[in-house]
N, C-alpha and C. Protein backbone atom coordinates (compact mmCIF):
# COMPACT_ATOMS: atom_id res chain seq x y z
N MET A 1 1.10 -13.21 21.82
CA MET A 1 0.96 -12.29 20.61
C MET A 1 1.51 -11.41 19.30
N GLU A 2 1.59 -11.41 18.59
CA GLU A 2 2.54 -11.46 17.38
C GLU A 2 2.39 -9.64 17.19
N TYR A 3 3.96 -9.28 17.26
CA TYR A 3 3.94 -7.58 17.27
C TYR A 3 3.35 -7.09 15.62
N MET A 4 3.15 -5.82 16.12
CA MET A 4 2.58 -4.73 15.00
C MET A 4 3.26 -4.36 13.68
N LYS A 5 3.12 -5.23 12.07
CA LYS A 5 4.31 -4.97 11.43
C LYS A 5 4.15 -3.84 11.09
N THR A 6 5.14 -3.14 10.75
CA THR A 6 5.55 -1.81 10.39
C THR A 6 6.87 -1.67 9.41
N LEU A 7 6.73 -0.75 8.31
CA LEU A 7 8.05 -0.86 7.35
C LEU A 7 8.91 0.04 8.18
N ALA A 8 8.48 0.43 9.75
CA ALA A 8 9.19 0.81 10.49
C ALA A 8 10.44 0.16 10.75
N ARG A 9 10.60 -0.63 10.74
CA ARG A 9 11.07 -1.93 11.21
C ARG A 9 11.62 -3.04 10.23
N GLN A 10 13.30 -3.07 10.17
CA GLN A 10 13.91 -3.47 9.00
C GLN A 10 13.69 -4.67 8.95
N ARG A 11 12.82 -5.60 10.23
CA ARG A 11 12.75 -7.06 9.46
C ARG A 11 11.79 -7.23 8.55
N ASP A 12 10.57 -6.18 9.32
CA ASP A 12 9.31 -6.63 8.43
C ASP A 12 9.40 -5.43 6.82
N LYS A 13 10.22 -4.59 6.41
CA LYS A 13 10.78 -4.02 5.31
C LYS A 13 10.99 -5.63 4.58
N ALA A 14 12.05 -6.17 5.08
CA ALA A 14 12.58 -7.08 4.10
C ALA A 14 11.97 -8.45 3.91
N GLU A 15 11.26 -8.58 4.98
CA GLU A 15 10.26 -9.90 4.73
C GLU A 15 9.03 -9.15 3.69
N ILE A 16 8.52 -7.79 3.56
CA ILE A 16 7.90 -7.19 2.24
C ILE A 16 8.52 -7.66 0.66
N LEU A 17 10.00 -7.18 1.09
CA LEU A 17 11.08 -7.44 -0.18
C LEU A 17 10.99 -8.26 -0.26
N GLU A 18 10.98 -9.66 0.07
CA GLU A 18 11.03 -10.55 -0.21
C GLU A 18 10.17 -11.27 -0.77
N ARG A 19 8.56 -11.12 -0.45
CA ARG A 19 7.58 -11.48 -0.72
C ARG A 19 7.56 -10.91 -2.23
N LEU A 20 7.51 -9.66 -2.23
CA LEU A 20 7.54 -8.91 -3.55
C LEU A 20 8.53 -9.59 -4.76
N SER A 21 9.84 -10.02 -4.18
CA SER A 21 10.55 -10.81 -5.24
C SER A 21 9.97 -12.31 -6.13
N ARG A 22 8.84 -12.59 -5.22
CA ARG A 22 8.12 -13.89 -5.22
C ARG A 22 7.12 -13.53 -6.62
N LEU A 23 7.05 -12.51 -6.64
CA LEU A 23 6.24 -12.25 -7.89
C LEU A 23 6.22 -12.56 -8.92
N ARG A 24 5.34 -12.83 -10.12
CA ARG A 24 5.60 -12.98 -11.44
C ARG A 24 4.67 -12.32 -12.29
N PRO A 25 5.12 -12.12 -13.74
CA PRO A 25 3.94 -11.24 -14.49
C PRO A 25 2.57 -12.01 -14.21
N ASP A 26 2.52 -13.50 -14.57
CA ASP A 26 1.51 -14.38 -14.62
C ASP A 26 1.09 -14.98 -12.84
N SER A 27 1.46 -14.72 -12.36
CA SER A 27 1.37 -15.02 -10.63
C SER A 27 -0.13 -14.98 -10.71
N ALA A 28 -1.13 -15.85 -10.09
CA ALA A 28 -2.62 -15.89 -9.90
C ALA A 28 -3.14 -15.29 -8.92
N ARG A 29 -4.21 -14.60 -9.58
CA ARG A 29 -5.08 -13.71 -8.14
C ARG A 29 -5.84 -14.72 -7.32
N ARG A 30 -5.80 -14.18 -5.91
CA ARG A 30 -6.84 -15.41 -5.31
C ARG A 30 -7.98 -14.51 -5.49
N TRP A 31 -8.30 -13.49 -5.51
CA TRP A 31 -9.48 -12.13 -5.67
C TRP A 31 -9.32 -11.13 -5.95
N GLY A 32 -10.47 -10.14 -6.00
CA GLY A 32 -10.37 -9.32 -7.34
C GLY A 32 -10.22 -8.70 -8.82
N ARG A 33 -9.73 -7.75 -9.23
CA ARG A 33 -10.09 -8.01 -10.98
C ARG A 33 -8.34 -7.95 -11.09
N MET A 34 -7.53 -7.03 -10.11
CA MET A 34 -5.81 -6.51 -10.91
C MET A 34 -5.00 -7.87 -10.98
N SER A 35 -4.34 -7.57 -12.03
CA SER A 35 -3.12 -8.91 -12.24
C SER A 35 -2.29 -8.64 -11.54
N ALA A 36 -1.05 -9.39 -11.12
CA ALA A 36 -0.05 -9.49 -10.83
C ALA A 36 0.85 -8.36 -11.20
N HIS A 37 0.54 -7.68 -12.15
CA HIS A 37 1.20 -6.55 -13.04
C HIS A 37 0.56 -4.99 -12.54
N GLN A 38 -0.60 -5.37 -12.54
CA GLN A 38 -1.46 -3.86 -12.46
C GLN A 38 -1.29 -3.71 -10.69
N MET A 39 -1.30 -5.04 -9.97
CA MET A 39 -1.34 -5.05 -8.53
C MET A 39 0.44 -3.85 -8.38
N MET A 40 0.85 -4.79 -9.03
CA MET A 40 2.32 -3.88 -8.81
C MET A 40 2.72 -2.36 -8.87
N CYS A 41 2.03 -1.88 -10.12
CA CYS A 41 1.41 -0.71 -10.25
C CYS A 41 0.43 0.23 -9.04
N HIS A 42 -0.16 -0.29 -8.69
CA HIS A 42 -1.09 0.25 -7.11
C HIS A 42 -0.11 0.23 -6.45
N LEU A 43 0.03 -0.59 -5.71
CA LEU A 43 1.13 -0.73 -5.10
C LEU A 43 2.30 0.66 -4.86
N ALA A 44 2.99 1.08 -5.85
CA ALA A 44 3.73 2.14 -6.58
C ALA A 44 2.90 3.12 -6.44
N ASP A 45 1.35 3.17 -6.97
CA ASP A 45 1.21 4.77 -6.83
C ASP A 45 0.42 5.01 -5.55
N ALA A 46 0.22 3.71 -4.77
CA ALA A 46 -0.14 4.26 -3.15
C ALA A 46 0.71 4.46 -2.43
N LEU A 47 2.28 4.00 -2.73
CA LEU A 47 3.54 5.14 -2.10
C LEU A 47 3.47 6.07 -2.82
N ARG A 48 3.33 6.59 -3.73
CA ARG A 48 3.68 7.87 -4.30
C ARG A 48 2.44 8.73 -3.90
N MET A 49 0.76 8.11 -3.56
CA MET A 49 -0.21 9.04 -2.87
C MET A 49 0.78 9.22 -1.34
N ALA A 50 1.80 8.23 -0.43
CA ALA A 50 2.56 8.33 0.75
C ALA A 50 2.93 9.63 0.73
N THR A 51 3.99 10.21 -0.07
CA THR A 51 4.90 10.67 -0.48
C THR A 51 4.00 11.82 -0.46
N GLY A 52 2.86 12.02 -1.29
CA GLY A 52 2.83 13.38 -1.63
C GLY A 52 3.20 13.34 -3.41
N GLN A 53 3.58 12.08 -4.02
CA GLN A 53 4.07 12.82 -5.28
C GLN A 53 2.64 12.22 -6.49
N LYS A 54 1.80 11.78 -5.56
CA LYS A 54 0.53 11.54 -6.35
C LYS A 54 -1.44 11.86 -5.61
N PRO A 55 -1.28 12.99 -6.17
CA PRO A 55 -2.47 13.50 -4.99
C PRO A 55 -3.31 12.54 -5.16
N VAL A 56 -4.67 12.56 -4.80
CA VAL A 56 -5.82 11.73 -4.77
C VAL A 56 -6.88 12.65 -4.19
N THR A 57 -8.05 12.06 -4.51
CA THR A 57 -9.14 12.89 -4.26
C THR A 57 -9.50 12.58 -2.78
N LEU A 58 -9.81 13.52 -1.37
CA LEU A 58 -10.47 12.97 -0.39
C LEU A 58 -11.99 12.42 -0.34
N ASP A 59 -12.32 11.14 0.71
CA ASP A 59 -13.39 10.56 0.72
C ASP A 59 -13.24 10.23 2.00
N THR A 60 -13.54 11.06 2.78
CA THR A 60 -13.15 11.02 4.18
C THR A 60 -14.79 11.55 5.33
N SER A 61 -14.36 10.81 6.23
CA SER A 61 -15.31 11.52 7.38
C SER A 61 -14.91 11.21 8.77
N LEU A 62 -15.72 11.90 9.55
CA LEU A 62 -15.12 11.53 10.69
C LEU A 62 -15.14 10.22 11.46
N PHE A 63 -15.63 9.19 10.89
CA PHE A 63 -16.17 8.02 10.93
C PHE A 63 -14.60 7.24 10.60
N LYS A 64 -14.20 7.40 9.58
CA LYS A 64 -13.40 7.31 8.81
C LYS A 64 -11.99 7.86 9.24
N ARG A 65 -11.80 8.67 9.87
CA ARG A 65 -10.54 9.06 9.80
C ARG A 65 -10.34 8.64 11.63
N THR A 66 -11.25 8.58 12.48
CA THR A 66 -11.02 7.88 13.74
C THR A 66 -11.15 6.27 13.84
N VAL A 67 -12.73 5.96 13.75
CA VAL A 67 -12.71 4.31 13.57
C VAL A 67 -12.29 3.36 13.48
N LEU A 68 -12.37 3.52 11.81
CA LEU A 68 -12.39 3.13 10.55
C LEU A 68 -10.47 2.75 10.75
N LYS A 69 -9.95 4.04 10.84
CA LYS A 69 -8.78 3.96 11.09
C LYS A 69 -8.35 3.83 11.61
N TRP A 70 -8.62 3.29 13.05
CA TRP A 70 -8.18 2.66 14.16
C TRP A 70 -8.20 1.39 14.22
N LEU A 71 -9.26 1.30 13.52
CA LEU A 71 -9.76 -0.64 13.37
C LEU A 71 -9.24 -0.95 12.06
N VAL A 72 -8.40 -0.44 11.27
CA VAL A 72 -7.69 -1.38 10.22
C VAL A 72 -6.69 -0.85 10.63
N LEU A 73 -5.38 -0.02 11.20
CA LEU A 73 -4.46 0.04 11.60
C LEU A 73 -3.84 -1.00 12.74
N TYR A 74 -4.77 -1.19 14.24
CA TYR A 74 -4.61 -1.92 14.70
C TYR A 74 -5.01 -3.13 15.31
N VAL A 75 -6.36 -3.27 14.47
CA VAL A 75 -6.91 -5.07 14.88
C VAL A 75 -6.28 -5.85 14.07
N PRO A 76 -5.73 -6.93 14.78
CA PRO A 76 -5.32 -7.75 13.87
C PRO A 76 -5.89 -8.99 13.03
N LEU A 77 -5.99 -7.96 12.35
CA LEU A 77 -7.43 -8.81 11.19
C LEU A 77 -6.87 -8.86 9.91
N PRO A 78 -7.15 -9.71 8.73
CA PRO A 78 -7.23 -9.57 7.69
C PRO A 78 -7.96 -8.57 7.17
N TRP A 79 -7.59 -7.64 5.83
CA TRP A 79 -8.47 -6.52 5.59
C TRP A 79 -9.15 -7.71 4.64
N PRO A 80 -10.50 -6.77 4.36
CA PRO A 80 -11.31 -7.89 3.69
C PRO A 80 -11.06 -7.49 2.18
N HIS A 81 -11.56 -8.23 1.33
CA HIS A 81 -11.42 -8.24 -0.04
C HIS A 81 -12.52 -7.57 -0.79
N GLY A 82 -12.26 -6.94 -1.95
CA GLY A 82 -12.95 -5.90 -2.74
C GLY A 82 -13.35 -4.74 -2.08
N ILE A 83 -12.50 -4.24 -1.22
CA ILE A 83 -12.96 -2.68 -0.75
C ILE A 83 -12.11 -1.49 -2.07
N MET A 84 -13.28 -0.83 -2.10
CA MET A 84 -13.09 0.21 -3.64
C MET A 84 -11.95 1.10 -2.87
N THR A 85 -10.87 1.43 -4.13
CA THR A 85 -10.21 2.20 -4.22
C THR A 85 -10.02 3.61 -4.31
N SER A 86 -9.21 4.29 -4.40
CA SER A 86 -8.79 6.08 -4.87
C SER A 86 -9.06 6.08 -6.24
N PRO A 87 -9.65 6.59 -7.31
CA PRO A 87 -9.59 6.44 -8.61
C PRO A 87 -8.07 6.51 -9.30
N GLU A 88 -7.61 7.47 -8.89
CA GLU A 88 -5.79 7.96 -9.19
C GLU A 88 -5.84 6.77 -8.51
N ILE A 89 -5.67 5.74 -8.09
CA ILE A 89 -4.70 4.48 -7.69
C ILE A 89 -5.33 3.30 -8.28
N ASP A 90 -6.47 3.25 -9.13
CA ASP A 90 -7.00 2.22 -8.99
C ASP A 90 -6.55 2.11 -10.57
N GLN A 91 -6.11 0.94 -11.13
CA GLN A 91 -5.36 0.26 -11.73
C GLN A 91 -6.30 0.41 -13.48
N GLU A 92 -7.71 0.38 -13.10
CA GLU A 92 -8.56 0.29 -14.34
C GLU A 92 -9.29 1.70 -14.46
N ARG A 93 -8.82 2.48 -13.91
CA ARG A 93 -9.56 3.54 -13.73
C ARG A 93 -8.17 4.92 -13.82
N GLY A 94 -7.27 5.76 -12.70
CA GLY A 94 -6.41 6.68 -12.88
C GLY A 94 -5.65 5.75 -12.60
N GLY A 95 -5.10 5.07 -12.75
CA GLY A 95 -3.81 4.55 -12.04
C GLY A 95 -2.77 4.66 -13.38
N THR A 96 -1.53 4.41 -12.56
CA THR A 96 -0.36 3.69 -13.70
C THR A 96 -0.27 2.79 -14.46
N ARG A 97 -0.39 3.22 -15.62
CA ARG A 97 -0.34 2.02 -16.28
C ARG A 97 0.71 0.94 -16.11
N PRO A 98 0.38 -0.52 -16.19
CA PRO A 98 1.75 -1.30 -16.01
C PRO A 98 2.49 -1.29 -17.94
N VAL A 99 3.85 -0.90 -17.66
CA VAL A 99 5.39 -0.99 -18.53
C VAL A 99 5.70 -2.09 -18.54
N GLU A 100 6.97 -2.60 -17.62
CA GLU A 100 7.72 -3.61 -17.79
C GLU A 100 7.14 -4.05 -16.30
N PHE A 101 7.54 -5.23 -16.46
CA PHE A 101 7.16 -6.04 -14.65
C PHE A 101 8.60 -6.05 -14.40
N ALA A 102 9.37 -6.00 -14.48
CA ALA A 102 10.87 -5.79 -13.48
C ALA A 102 11.36 -4.30 -13.38
N ALA A 103 10.80 -3.73 -14.55
CA ALA A 103 11.18 -2.05 -13.99
C ALA A 103 10.25 -1.25 -12.81
N ASP A 104 8.73 -2.16 -13.23
CA ASP A 104 7.57 -1.68 -12.42
C ASP A 104 8.26 -2.42 -10.86
N VAL A 105 8.64 -3.27 -10.66
CA VAL A 105 8.75 -4.87 -9.13
C VAL A 105 10.07 -3.15 -8.55
N ALA A 106 10.76 -3.21 -9.52
CA ALA A 106 11.81 -1.87 -8.81
C ALA A 106 11.59 -0.41 -8.83
N GLY A 107 10.41 -0.01 -8.93
CA GLY A 107 10.04 1.50 -9.12
C GLY A 107 9.17 1.06 -7.62
N VAL A 108 8.20 -0.16 -7.52
CA VAL A 108 7.92 -0.30 -6.13
C VAL A 108 9.13 -0.58 -4.63
N GLU A 109 10.07 -1.54 -5.56
CA GLU A 109 11.58 -1.62 -4.28
C GLU A 109 11.62 -0.37 -3.78
N ALA A 110 11.79 1.03 -5.10
CA ALA A 110 12.95 2.03 -4.45
C ALA A 110 11.54 3.19 -3.75
N LEU A 111 10.74 3.11 -3.76
CA LEU A 111 9.63 3.83 -3.44
C LEU A 111 9.15 3.38 -2.11
N LEU A 112 9.22 1.93 -1.77
CA LEU A 112 9.51 1.78 -0.36
C LEU A 112 10.87 2.12 0.41
N GLU A 113 11.20 1.82 -0.17
CA GLU A 113 12.81 2.53 0.98
C GLU A 113 12.66 4.11 0.78
N VAL A 114 12.03 4.62 0.53
CA VAL A 114 11.90 6.33 0.28
C VAL A 114 10.65 6.24 1.75
N VAL A 115 9.72 5.44 1.64
CA VAL A 115 8.65 5.76 2.65
C VAL A 115 9.20 5.29 4.37
N ALA A 116 9.94 4.32 3.58
CA ALA A 116 10.16 3.10 4.74
C ALA A 116 11.47 4.47 5.43
N ALA A 117 11.87 5.60 4.59
CA ALA A 117 12.46 6.19 5.42
C ALA A 117 12.78 7.52 6.17
N ARG A 118 11.17 7.20 5.70
CA ARG A 118 10.23 8.81 6.70
C ARG A 118 10.47 9.96 5.63
N PRO A 119 10.31 9.71 4.69
CA PRO A 119 10.51 11.43 3.98
C PRO A 119 9.86 12.68 4.89
N PRO A 120 11.40 13.58 4.84
CA PRO A 120 10.11 15.02 5.77
C PRO A 120 8.37 14.96 4.80
N GLY A 121 7.94 15.46 5.91
CA GLY A 121 6.46 15.52 5.23
C GLY A 121 5.88 14.84 5.35
N LEU A 122 5.90 13.40 5.63
CA LEU A 122 5.21 12.32 5.06
C LEU A 122 4.19 12.33 6.50
N ASP A 123 4.06 13.00 7.51
CA ASP A 123 3.14 13.12 8.25
C ASP A 123 2.26 14.12 8.07
N ARG A 124 2.19 14.96 6.94
CA ARG A 124 1.73 15.92 6.63
C ARG A 124 0.58 15.43 5.44
N GLN A 125 0.80 14.33 4.43
CA GLN A 125 0.47 14.05 3.35
C GLN A 125 -1.22 13.27 4.22
N VAL A 126 -1.92 13.55 3.20
CA VAL A 126 -3.29 13.10 3.41
C VAL A 126 -3.68 11.76 2.87
N HIS A 127 -4.15 10.91 4.23
CA HIS A 127 -4.97 9.53 3.23
C HIS A 127 -6.11 10.15 2.33
N PRO A 128 -6.35 9.38 1.40
CA PRO A 128 -7.79 9.59 1.09
C PRO A 128 -9.18 9.28 1.86
N PHE A 129 -8.99 7.89 2.66
CA PHE A 129 -10.15 8.20 3.69
C PHE A 129 -9.54 8.60 5.20
N PHE A 130 -8.28 8.01 5.72
CA PHE A 130 -8.23 8.30 7.22
C PHE A 130 -7.90 9.93 7.31
N GLY A 131 -7.58 10.56 6.54
CA GLY A 131 -6.84 11.83 6.09
C GLY A 131 -5.25 12.12 6.79
N ARG A 132 -5.07 13.10 7.61
CA ARG A 132 -3.54 13.11 7.97
C ARG A 132 -3.18 12.18 8.78
N MET A 133 -2.08 11.41 8.89
CA MET A 133 -1.55 10.22 9.58
C MET A 133 -0.10 10.70 10.09
N SER A 134 0.30 10.26 11.18
CA SER A 134 1.55 10.59 11.81
C SER A 134 2.70 9.65 11.27
N ASP A 135 3.66 9.74 10.80
CA ASP A 135 4.91 8.84 10.66
C ASP A 135 4.72 7.72 10.91
N ALA A 136 4.41 7.37 12.50
CA ALA A 136 4.04 5.88 12.12
C ALA A 136 2.42 4.94 11.52
N ALA A 137 2.19 5.77 11.61
CA ALA A 137 0.54 5.37 11.20
C ALA A 137 0.80 5.25 9.44
N TRP A 138 1.76 5.97 8.74
CA TRP A 138 1.76 5.91 7.35
C TRP A 138 2.28 4.43 6.78
N LEU A 139 3.46 4.25 8.24
CA LEU A 139 4.28 2.76 8.22
C LEU A 139 4.17 2.10 8.24
N ARG A 140 2.82 1.87 9.31
CA ARG A 140 1.68 0.23 9.69
C ARG A 140 0.93 0.64 8.16
N TRP A 141 0.08 1.35 8.01
CA TRP A 141 -0.71 1.45 7.04
C TRP A 141 0.11 0.83 5.39
N ALA A 142 1.61 1.46 4.87
CA ALA A 142 1.93 1.11 3.90
C ALA A 142 2.40 -0.11 4.13
N TYR A 143 2.76 -0.99 5.14
CA TYR A 143 3.15 -3.05 5.85
C TYR A 143 1.64 -3.21 4.86
N LEU A 144 0.50 -2.81 5.82
CA LEU A 144 -0.08 -3.86 5.80
C LEU A 144 -0.83 -3.51 4.28
N HIS A 145 -1.05 -2.46 3.50
CA HIS A 145 -1.64 -2.54 2.38
C HIS A 145 -0.76 -3.46 1.47
N MET A 146 0.86 -3.19 1.60
CA MET A 146 1.03 -4.11 0.75
C MET A 146 1.18 -5.68 0.81
N ASP A 147 1.36 -6.30 1.78
CA ASP A 147 0.72 -6.94 2.58
C ASP A 147 -0.53 -7.73 2.00
N HIS A 148 -1.74 -7.01 2.07
CA HIS A 148 -2.93 -7.20 2.11
C HIS A 148 -2.47 -7.70 0.06
N HIS A 149 -1.96 -7.03 -0.54
CA HIS A 149 -1.85 -7.07 -2.01
C HIS A 149 -0.84 -8.30 -2.41
N LEU A 150 0.02 -8.57 -1.54
CA LEU A 150 0.90 -10.35 -1.87
C LEU A 150 0.15 -10.91 -1.42
N ARG A 151 -0.77 -10.81 -0.59
CA ARG A 151 -1.89 -12.26 0.00
C ARG A 151 -2.98 -12.49 -1.12
N GLN A 152 -2.90 -11.15 -1.87
CA GLN A 152 -4.15 -11.57 -3.20
C GLN A 152 -3.37 -12.31 -4.16
N PHE A 153 -2.00 -12.13 -4.11
CA PHE A 153 -1.32 -13.31 -5.32
C PHE A 153 -0.34 -14.25 -4.40
N GLY A 154 -0.83 -14.67 -3.30
CA GLY A 154 0.14 -15.83 -3.17
C GLY A 154 1.18 -15.39 -2.16
N ALA A 155 1.73 -14.27 -2.40
CA ALA A 155 3.18 -14.25 -2.04
C ALA A 155 3.11 -13.66 -0.45
């Protein structure tokens, strides 16, 4: 059985960075509404959320903070397509608008490094659905979230 990938592990972080480098502004999506460039900005916004730089509206419940969080983080199945995100990190609503692709990719890479370094207070940040999470849970979630969207564009 494959181990649980996480940004806490150097080889998993390197894998995500390599896959990010394969994306192009015209990379075709396999599902969803975002362009590759919008997706890059969505990833940046999600990492900003993890560091507390991007506040989001809570939409949680006991079920989401317990059962759903455990399923999402620890059941080794790909995430389903079409799950709605928080308006603040939805690129068609309140998310950051794309500017220049290479600069936006560099921004994601820099934010990934910040999150992977476990900044102080990471475990005090609140996920909109899952509530407070440990550093380990944030690093697992960040890996899975990026993996989901990279698969969306075949990377």
